[in-house]
Structure formats: structure tokens, C-alpha cells
Protein backbone atom coordinates (compact mmCIF):
# COMPACT_ATOMS: atom_id res chain seq x y z
CA MET A 1 -149.28 -162.49 107.63
CA LYS A 2 -148.44 -162.19 111.40
CA LYS A 3 -146.69 -165.50 111.30
CA PHE A 4 -144.70 -164.60 108.35
CA LEU A 5 -143.45 -161.12 110.11
CA ILE A 6 -142.34 -162.99 113.07
CA SER A 7 -140.41 -165.40 110.74
CA ALA A 8 -138.99 -162.43 109.02
CA GLY A 9 -137.97 -160.87 112.47
CA LEU A 10 -136.36 -164.09 113.52
CA LEU A 11 -134.46 -164.37 110.28
CA SER A 12 -133.22 -160.79 110.60
CA LEU A 13 -132.18 -161.45 114.11
CA MET A 14 -130.25 -164.60 112.92
CA ALA A 15 -128.76 -162.74 110.11
CA GLY A 16 -127.36 -160.10 112.54
CA ALA A 17 -126.05 -162.62 115.00
CA ALA A 18 -124.11 -164.33 112.13
CA SER A 19 -122.79 -161.14 110.84
CA ALA A 20 -121.84 -160.09 114.22
CA ALA A 21 -118.92 -162.75 114.26
CA ASP A 22 -115.63 -161.26 115.39
CA ASP A 23 -112.91 -161.37 112.88
CA LEU A 24 -109.57 -162.56 113.75
CA THR A 25 -106.51 -163.38 111.29
CA LEU A 26 -104.01 -165.99 112.04
CA GLN A 27 -100.63 -165.95 110.17
CA LEU A 28 -99.20 -169.43 109.72
CA LYS A 29 -95.32 -170.17 110.09
CA TRP A 30 -95.18 -172.11 106.57
CA VAL A 31 -97.58 -173.15 103.86
CA THR A 32 -100.81 -174.99 104.12
CA GLN A 33 -100.10 -178.41 105.41
CA ALA A 34 -100.97 -180.72 108.24
CA GLN A 35 -98.58 -178.95 110.55
CA PHE A 36 -101.45 -176.42 111.15
CA GLY A 37 -104.13 -179.27 110.89
CA GLY A 38 -105.85 -178.09 114.08
CA TYR A 39 -106.72 -174.50 112.71
CA TYR A 40 -107.91 -175.86 109.44
CA VAL A 41 -110.17 -178.52 111.47
CA ALA A 42 -111.38 -175.84 113.77
CA LYS A 43 -112.52 -173.85 110.85
CA ASP A 44 -113.99 -176.84 108.87
CA LYS A 45 -115.76 -178.20 111.81
CA GLY A 46 -117.21 -174.99 112.86
CA PHE A 47 -115.47 -174.72 116.14
CA TYR A 48 -114.53 -171.06 115.42
CA GLU A 49 -118.20 -170.37 114.26
CA GLU A 50 -119.25 -171.65 117.62
CA GLU A 51 -117.15 -169.29 119.55
CA GLY A 52 -118.50 -166.39 117.45
CA LEU A 53 -115.24 -165.99 115.48
CA ASN A 54 -114.84 -165.59 111.66
CA VAL A 55 -111.08 -166.67 111.44
CA THR A 56 -109.03 -165.85 108.24
CA ILE A 57 -105.76 -168.38 107.99
CA LYS A 58 -103.20 -166.80 106.02
CA PRO A 59 -100.43 -169.45 104.94
CA GLY A 60 -96.65 -168.62 105.26
CA GLY A 61 -93.74 -169.22 103.00
CA PRO A 62 -90.07 -168.93 102.17
CA ASP A 63 -90.48 -165.26 101.91
CA ILE A 64 -92.71 -164.57 104.68
CA ALA A 65 -91.55 -163.78 108.44
CA PRO A 66 -94.65 -164.38 110.55
CA VAL A 67 -93.15 -162.03 113.39
CA GLN A 68 -92.80 -159.31 110.93
CA VAL A 69 -96.43 -159.76 109.74
CA LEU A 70 -97.63 -159.53 113.43
CA ALA A 71 -95.49 -156.32 113.82
CA GLY A 72 -96.96 -154.78 110.85
CA GLY A 73 -100.47 -155.42 111.92
CA GLY A 74 -101.12 -158.07 108.98
CA ALA A 75 -102.33 -160.65 111.63
CA ASP A 76 -103.69 -160.80 114.97
CA VAL A 77 -102.13 -163.95 116.00
CA THR A 78 -98.93 -165.89 114.56
CA VAL A 79 -97.65 -169.46 114.81
CA GLU A 80 -93.97 -169.20 115.45
CA TRP A 81 -91.23 -171.10 117.19
CA MET A 82 -90.04 -169.67 120.24
CA PRO A 83 -86.36 -169.03 119.44
CA ALA A 84 -87.51 -166.47 116.85
CA ALA A 85 -90.17 -165.13 118.99
CA LEU A 86 -87.68 -164.39 121.97
CA ALA A 87 -85.05 -163.09 119.58
CA ALA A 88 -87.71 -160.71 118.33
CA ARG A 89 -88.73 -159.67 121.75
CA GLU A 90 -85.18 -158.87 122.88
CA LYS A 91 -84.83 -156.59 120.11
CA GLY A 92 -87.71 -154.61 121.10
CA LEU A 93 -91.06 -156.28 119.55
CA PRO A 94 -93.16 -157.02 122.54
CA ILE A 95 -94.47 -160.42 121.39
CA VAL A 96 -95.96 -162.90 123.89
CA ASN A 97 -96.76 -166.49 123.96
CA ILE A 98 -100.43 -167.12 124.65
CA ALA A 99 -100.82 -170.65 123.94
CA GLN A 100 -98.57 -173.70 123.33
CA PRO A 101 -100.45 -176.64 121.21
CA PHE A 102 -97.22 -178.41 120.30
CA LYS A 103 -95.47 -180.32 123.53
CA LYS A 104 -92.53 -181.85 121.58
CA SER A 105 -89.98 -180.64 119.05
CA GLY A 106 -90.09 -182.18 115.57
CA MET A 107 -86.71 -180.81 114.56
CA MET A 108 -83.82 -183.19 113.97
CA LEU A 109 -80.80 -183.76 111.79
CA THR A 110 -80.86 -186.49 109.38
CA CYS A 111 -77.60 -188.05 108.17
CA LEU A 112 -76.28 -190.56 105.60
CA LYS A 113 -75.14 -193.54 107.34
CA GLU A 114 -72.10 -193.94 104.78
CA SER A 115 -70.94 -190.47 106.03
CA GLY A 116 -69.58 -192.00 109.26
CA VAL A 117 -71.72 -190.04 111.63
CA ALA A 118 -73.06 -192.29 114.55
CA ASP A 119 -72.50 -190.02 117.48
CA PRO A 120 -72.71 -186.23 117.70
CA LYS A 121 -70.24 -186.13 120.28
CA THR A 122 -67.60 -187.39 118.25
CA ASP A 123 -68.67 -187.57 114.65
CA PHE A 124 -69.71 -184.06 113.58
CA LYS A 125 -66.15 -182.51 113.62
CA GLY A 126 -65.13 -182.06 110.04
CA LYS A 127 -68.48 -182.71 108.54
CA THR A 128 -70.71 -180.41 106.49
CA LEU A 129 -74.24 -179.92 108.07
CA GLY A 130 -77.28 -178.48 106.37
CA VAL A 131 -78.95 -175.80 108.39
CA TRP A 132 -82.11 -173.62 107.86
CA PHE A 133 -82.04 -170.13 108.65
CA SER A 134 -84.38 -167.15 108.89
CA GLY A 135 -84.59 -167.95 112.85
CA ASN A 136 -84.63 -171.61 112.32
CA GLU A 137 -80.84 -171.84 112.90
CA TYR A 138 -80.89 -171.03 116.63
CA PRO A 139 -81.61 -174.42 118.10
CA PHE A 140 -78.78 -175.89 115.94
CA LEU A 141 -76.06 -173.13 117.05
CA SER A 142 -76.96 -173.92 120.70
CA TRP A 143 -76.63 -177.52 120.07
CA MET A 144 -73.18 -177.05 118.63
CA ASN A 145 -72.04 -174.79 121.28
CA HIS A 146 -73.05 -177.56 123.61
CA LEU A 147 -70.81 -180.03 121.67
CA GLY A 148 -67.93 -177.28 121.90
CA LEU A 149 -68.06 -177.12 118.01
CA LYS A 150 -67.42 -174.14 116.16
CA THR A 151 -69.58 -173.30 113.08
CA ASP A 152 -67.03 -171.51 110.97
CA GLY A 153 -65.70 -174.40 108.85
CA SER A 154 -62.60 -174.80 111.01
CA PRO A 155 -61.00 -178.27 111.12
CA ASP A 156 -62.13 -178.84 114.76
CA GLY A 157 -65.59 -177.55 114.03
CA VAL A 158 -68.41 -178.07 111.44
CA THR A 159 -69.13 -176.31 108.05
CA VAL A 160 -72.62 -174.94 107.93
CA LEU A 161 -74.40 -175.17 104.67
CA LYS A 162 -77.24 -172.72 104.41
CA GLN A 163 -79.91 -175.16 103.50
CA GLY A 164 -83.05 -174.34 101.32
CA PHE A 165 -86.24 -175.86 102.40
CA ASN A 166 -85.62 -179.12 100.65
CA VAL A 167 -83.61 -182.14 101.05
CA ASP A 168 -81.24 -181.64 97.75
CA PRO A 169 -77.88 -181.48 99.96
CA LEU A 170 -78.26 -184.78 101.24
CA LEU A 171 -79.50 -186.54 98.12
CA GLN A 172 -76.61 -184.82 96.22
CA LYS A 173 -74.13 -185.67 99.12
CA GLN A 174 -73.19 -182.03 99.33
CA ALA A 175 -73.73 -182.50 103.34
CA ALA A 176 -73.24 -185.39 105.62
CA CYS A 177 -76.52 -184.32 107.48
CA ILE A 178 -79.54 -182.15 107.00
CA SER A 179 -82.00 -180.27 108.93
CA THR A 180 -85.45 -182.07 108.73
CA MET A 181 -88.57 -182.21 110.50
CA THR A 182 -90.04 -185.67 111.73
CA TYR A 183 -93.20 -184.92 109.94
CA ASN A 184 -92.01 -183.48 106.62
CA GLU A 185 -88.46 -183.45 105.02
CA TYR A 186 -87.42 -186.76 106.69
CA TRP A 187 -90.21 -188.58 104.52
CA GLN A 188 -89.13 -186.50 101.50
CA VAL A 189 -85.64 -188.25 101.71
CA ILE A 190 -87.45 -191.71 102.15
CA ASP A 191 -89.76 -190.75 99.10
CA ALA A 192 -86.64 -189.87 97.15
CA GLY A 193 -85.59 -193.58 97.28
CA ILE A 194 -83.23 -193.70 100.42
CA LYS A 195 -84.14 -196.18 102.87
CA PRO A 196 -84.40 -195.75 106.73
CA LYS A 197 -81.66 -198.08 107.38
CA GLU A 198 -79.21 -196.11 105.40
CA LEU A 199 -79.97 -193.13 107.57
CA VAL A 200 -78.93 -191.91 111.06
CA THR A 201 -81.48 -189.29 112.64
CA PHE A 202 -80.69 -187.33 115.78
CA LYS A 203 -83.77 -185.61 117.39
CA TYR A 204 -83.26 -182.31 119.08
CA ASP A 205 -85.55 -183.61 121.81
CA ASP A 206 -83.13 -186.59 122.60
CA GLN A 207 -80.20 -184.26 122.59
CA GLY A 208 -81.53 -182.13 125.34
CA VAL A 209 -81.36 -179.18 123.09
CA ALA A 210 -85.22 -178.91 122.01
CA THR A 211 -86.92 -175.60 121.71
CA LEU A 212 -90.49 -175.01 121.76
CA GLU A 213 -92.13 -174.98 118.18
CA ASP A 214 -95.40 -173.71 116.89
CA GLY A 215 -96.75 -171.63 119.85
CA LEU A 216 -99.24 -168.82 119.24
CA TYR A 217 -98.03 -165.24 119.67
CA VAL A 218 -99.63 -161.89 119.90
CA LEU A 219 -98.40 -158.29 120.43
CA GLU A 220 -98.58 -157.41 124.20
CA GLU A 221 -100.94 -154.48 123.48
CA LYS A 222 -103.51 -156.96 122.40
CA LEU A 223 -103.72 -158.17 125.78
CA ASN A 224 -104.54 -155.08 127.25
CA ASP A 225 -107.74 -154.83 125.09
CA PRO A 226 -110.45 -156.45 127.03
CA ALA A 227 -112.41 -157.12 123.68
CA MET A 228 -109.33 -158.60 122.02
CA ALA A 229 -108.27 -160.73 124.96
CA ASP A 230 -111.76 -162.24 124.86
CA LYS A 231 -111.61 -162.89 121.01
CA LEU A 232 -108.22 -164.58 121.96
CA THR A 233 -109.66 -166.72 124.76
CA ARG A 234 -112.33 -167.97 122.39
CA PHE A 235 -109.74 -168.66 119.39
CA VAL A 236 -107.39 -170.69 121.68
CA ARG A 237 -110.35 -172.72 123.06
CA ALA A 238 -111.59 -173.39 119.43
CA SER A 239 -108.19 -174.20 118.27
CA MET A 240 -107.31 -176.73 120.93
CA LYS A 241 -110.67 -178.42 120.18
CA GLY A 242 -109.44 -178.54 116.65
CA TRP A 243 -105.90 -179.85 117.49
CA LYS A 244 -107.54 -182.71 119.76
CA TYR A 245 -109.95 -183.72 117.07
CA ALA A 246 -106.92 -183.84 114.52
CA GLU A 247 -104.94 -186.03 116.92
CA GLU A 248 -107.83 -188.42 117.00
CA HIS A 249 -108.59 -188.39 113.30
CA PRO A 250 -105.34 -187.60 111.52
CA ALA A 251 -106.75 -188.91 108.16
CA GLU A 252 -109.77 -186.79 108.34
CA ALA A 253 -107.29 -183.83 109.38
CA ALA A 254 -105.25 -184.53 106.25
CA GLU A 255 -108.24 -184.40 103.87
CA ILE A 256 -109.44 -181.07 105.46
CA VAL A 257 -105.82 -179.59 104.88
CA LEU A 258 -105.75 -180.71 101.33
CA GLU A 259 -109.21 -178.90 100.76
CA ASN A 260 -107.46 -175.69 101.95
CA ASP A 261 -104.37 -176.33 99.80
CA GLU A 262 -104.87 -173.57 97.19
CA THR A 263 -101.50 -174.34 95.27
CA GLY A 264 -102.26 -177.90 94.77
CA ALA A 265 -98.75 -179.04 95.67
CA GLN A 266 -99.73 -181.23 98.63
CA THR A 267 -100.74 -184.86 98.23
CA ILE A 268 -103.13 -186.92 100.33
CA GLU A 269 -100.42 -189.39 101.21
CA HIS A 270 -97.88 -186.90 102.39
CA GLN A 271 -100.46 -185.15 104.41
CA THR A 272 -101.88 -188.02 106.00
CA ARG A 273 -98.41 -189.28 107.15
CA MET A 274 -97.66 -185.73 108.30
CA ALA A 275 -100.83 -185.49 110.43
CA GLY A 276 -99.89 -188.80 112.14
CA GLU A 277 -96.56 -187.53 112.87
CA ILE A 278 -97.83 -184.16 114.26
CA ALA A 279 -100.28 -185.90 116.61
CA LYS A 280 -97.27 -187.15 118.39
CA LEU A 281 -95.96 -183.60 118.87
CA THR A 282 -99.24 -182.25 120.11
CA ALA A 283 -100.00 -185.27 122.41
CA GLY A 284 -99.85 -184.24 125.95
CA SER A 285 -100.64 -180.47 125.51
CA THR A 286 -103.59 -178.87 126.84
CA GLY A 287 -102.96 -175.70 125.03
CA ALA A 288 -101.33 -174.19 127.84
CA LEU A 289 -97.49 -173.39 128.02
CA ASP A 290 -95.50 -175.65 130.51
CA GLU A 291 -93.31 -173.30 132.34
CA ALA A 292 -90.50 -176.21 132.60
CA ASP A 293 -90.46 -176.17 128.69
CA PHE A 294 -90.14 -172.64 128.72
CA LYS A 295 -87.19 -172.68 131.05
CA ARG A 296 -85.40 -175.57 129.14
CA THR A 297 -86.04 -173.45 125.90
CA VAL A 298 -84.35 -170.13 127.34
CA GLU A 299 -81.41 -172.28 128.73
CA THR A 300 -80.75 -173.89 125.37
CA LEU A 301 -80.77 -170.43 123.56
CA LEU A 302 -78.57 -168.68 126.21
CA SER A 303 -75.90 -171.22 125.82
CA GLY A 304 -75.20 -170.16 122.11
CA GLY A 305 -71.51 -169.42 122.99
CA SER A 306 -70.19 -166.27 121.52
CA ASP A 307 -73.33 -165.55 119.63
CA PRO A 308 -76.13 -166.54 121.75
CA VAL A 309 -79.68 -166.22 120.57
CA ILE A 310 -80.74 -164.13 123.50
CA SER A 311 -78.46 -162.49 125.91
CA LYS A 312 -80.53 -162.58 129.14
CA ALA A 313 -83.63 -164.46 130.37
CA PRO A 314 -86.75 -162.79 129.04
CA GLU A 315 -89.48 -161.31 131.15
CA GLY A 316 -93.12 -161.13 130.24
CA ALA A 317 -92.58 -163.40 127.26
CA TRP A 318 -95.54 -165.66 127.82
CA THR A 319 -98.92 -165.75 129.66
CA HIS A 320 -101.32 -167.96 130.99
CA ALA A 321 -104.16 -165.28 131.07
CA ILE A 322 -105.69 -166.34 127.87
CA SER A 323 -105.19 -170.37 128.16
CA ASP A 324 -106.34 -170.29 131.69
CA LYS A 325 -109.69 -168.84 130.61
CA ALA A 326 -110.09 -170.77 127.44
CA LEU A 327 -109.26 -174.08 128.77
CA ASN A 328 -110.47 -174.13 132.44
């Protein structure tokens, strides 16, 4: 009987420890896919659990603005592109980058070779270009300003086609080029039957106008709460463990993502390919924001011509306070 009582006591303690896990909600920028594989891996492999966290991952979608979810208290942390985050900050939302798992940008324009586009400096003029909006247009507008091209449809500029989150404008030849990610829409074009040799691609990174993507952002007030700052530190540490595992095991990461896709829309082939491409973008990142990358992003955004994304260099838009504790 005595042994049983001790065992029951231990079980009670264990149950108490398990229930004491701290809740944290992460809002993704887009739907469940390998673009966010590191977080799903961290959850599946128990990395969050090891840090005493119970993490809820909320998928995004075309009607979900991550920054607004964060502002409304629907999430503790959100995955967002820096242009949208800095634009929101300048408009009064005190949003701060606490970690940067993605080192490189995956954004590019994909063009039909038959459209005659071979060099952005000379061949974009007079063309129709597909562009995503809802904050994703900022790097494009800065790029066009760098090239001295207006985006108002004038003969000496380009015509902007507001592109949905698909590749139809290229397939239907409504646009010479469309916005694609190296890990997603480009492959949708290929899967639609267009051969790589029939395409020309221009990566934002190669054009010197890349901006930081898929950073982790919180509201400033969260950083002033020691308990929340501690939770965020543990979250970043576990998340980066997940990302590095995903880099080394992209096929397994794709399987984990697929298991978490409640829509049933994803395929293992597409997610495996995506995981491999995403690994190229996270490679080289420790999780801490590189200040040089931040400065390049700001310089790109400030050069938006008559309609810059931000009007002045932001202050307090990022911190190493969380990543330093999490990763060192």
C-alpha cells in the first residue's frame, strides 16, 4: 500500500508538471505547408514540449492578415515578411522582430521566355507584370523604382496586374511575368506543363532588392513582461531546433507538414520539393536577425519612389534580447 501511495504521488506530480506547460499561439503567414516546416517539426518532435511549451499553430490564408491577428490578441507570435511588419509599425502598431529563421528571400518574378523579357533593365517596359498585394507588393514597387519604371500602366512603365495566389495569369498569357516563390508557385507553373527552358526567372536576391521574409514578430509590450519574454526565449530555441532538423531531413519534415494539413489540399510530392527549397533559404541562419540584412531591407523599402513603403528608418523594430538568450 505504501509503495502504491508513493507511485500515485509521483504520478500526481508528473501530471501537474505536464499540465503546467505554458500556452503560446503562433499565427502563420499562409496555409499549412513546408514554408513553416520548422514549427511543425518542433511540435511533432517534442521540442516545444521539452521547453515546457504547449504551442498552438494557426494556419493563415488569403483572408487572414497576420499583423492584424497579432494586434487583436489572437496570437502571441506571428510569422510575417518584414516589409509588412515595418509598414504596420510606422502606422502605429508596435511590432518587433525577435528572430529571423529565413536568411534569404524566396521571391522572384517568373516570365515566359516568349514574352521577350531577358533583362529587367531593358525589357520590363511596356509589359504586364503579375504582383501579389496585401503587403507583398512592397518589394516589387521598390524594385520598379530602382529601375526607374512607373507602375501606372504608362507606355514608359509597367502595367501591374493584381495577381491572385495562383499562376493563372502566366498560363493564360495575361502577363509576361508573375510573382512566384522559389519553393511554391514556380513549381506550379512547371507542374502545369511549362518547361524550365521556356521560362526566365529573376530572384529578388539577385537583383539586390530582396527584403527579409518569414521573421518572428511580437508586440513590444510582450517583451516587457518577464514571464512572456521567457516563454518567447524557449519558443525561439525550440523553433530553431525544429528548423535545423527540417533542413537536414526535408523529406521527413514534408511528411510531418502533411500530417498537419487539415484541408487535404497538399501533396507529399509538392511538400517534399518545397521543404528542399525552403532549406536553401533557412541555411546560414542561426535564428538571430543579421543587422546588415535589416539595413538592406530598410534601404530597399525607403527607395519606393513617390510612394515608399516606409518614410523613415524605423527605430526599435527588432531586438536580439530573445535570440541572444535562446541561442547562446
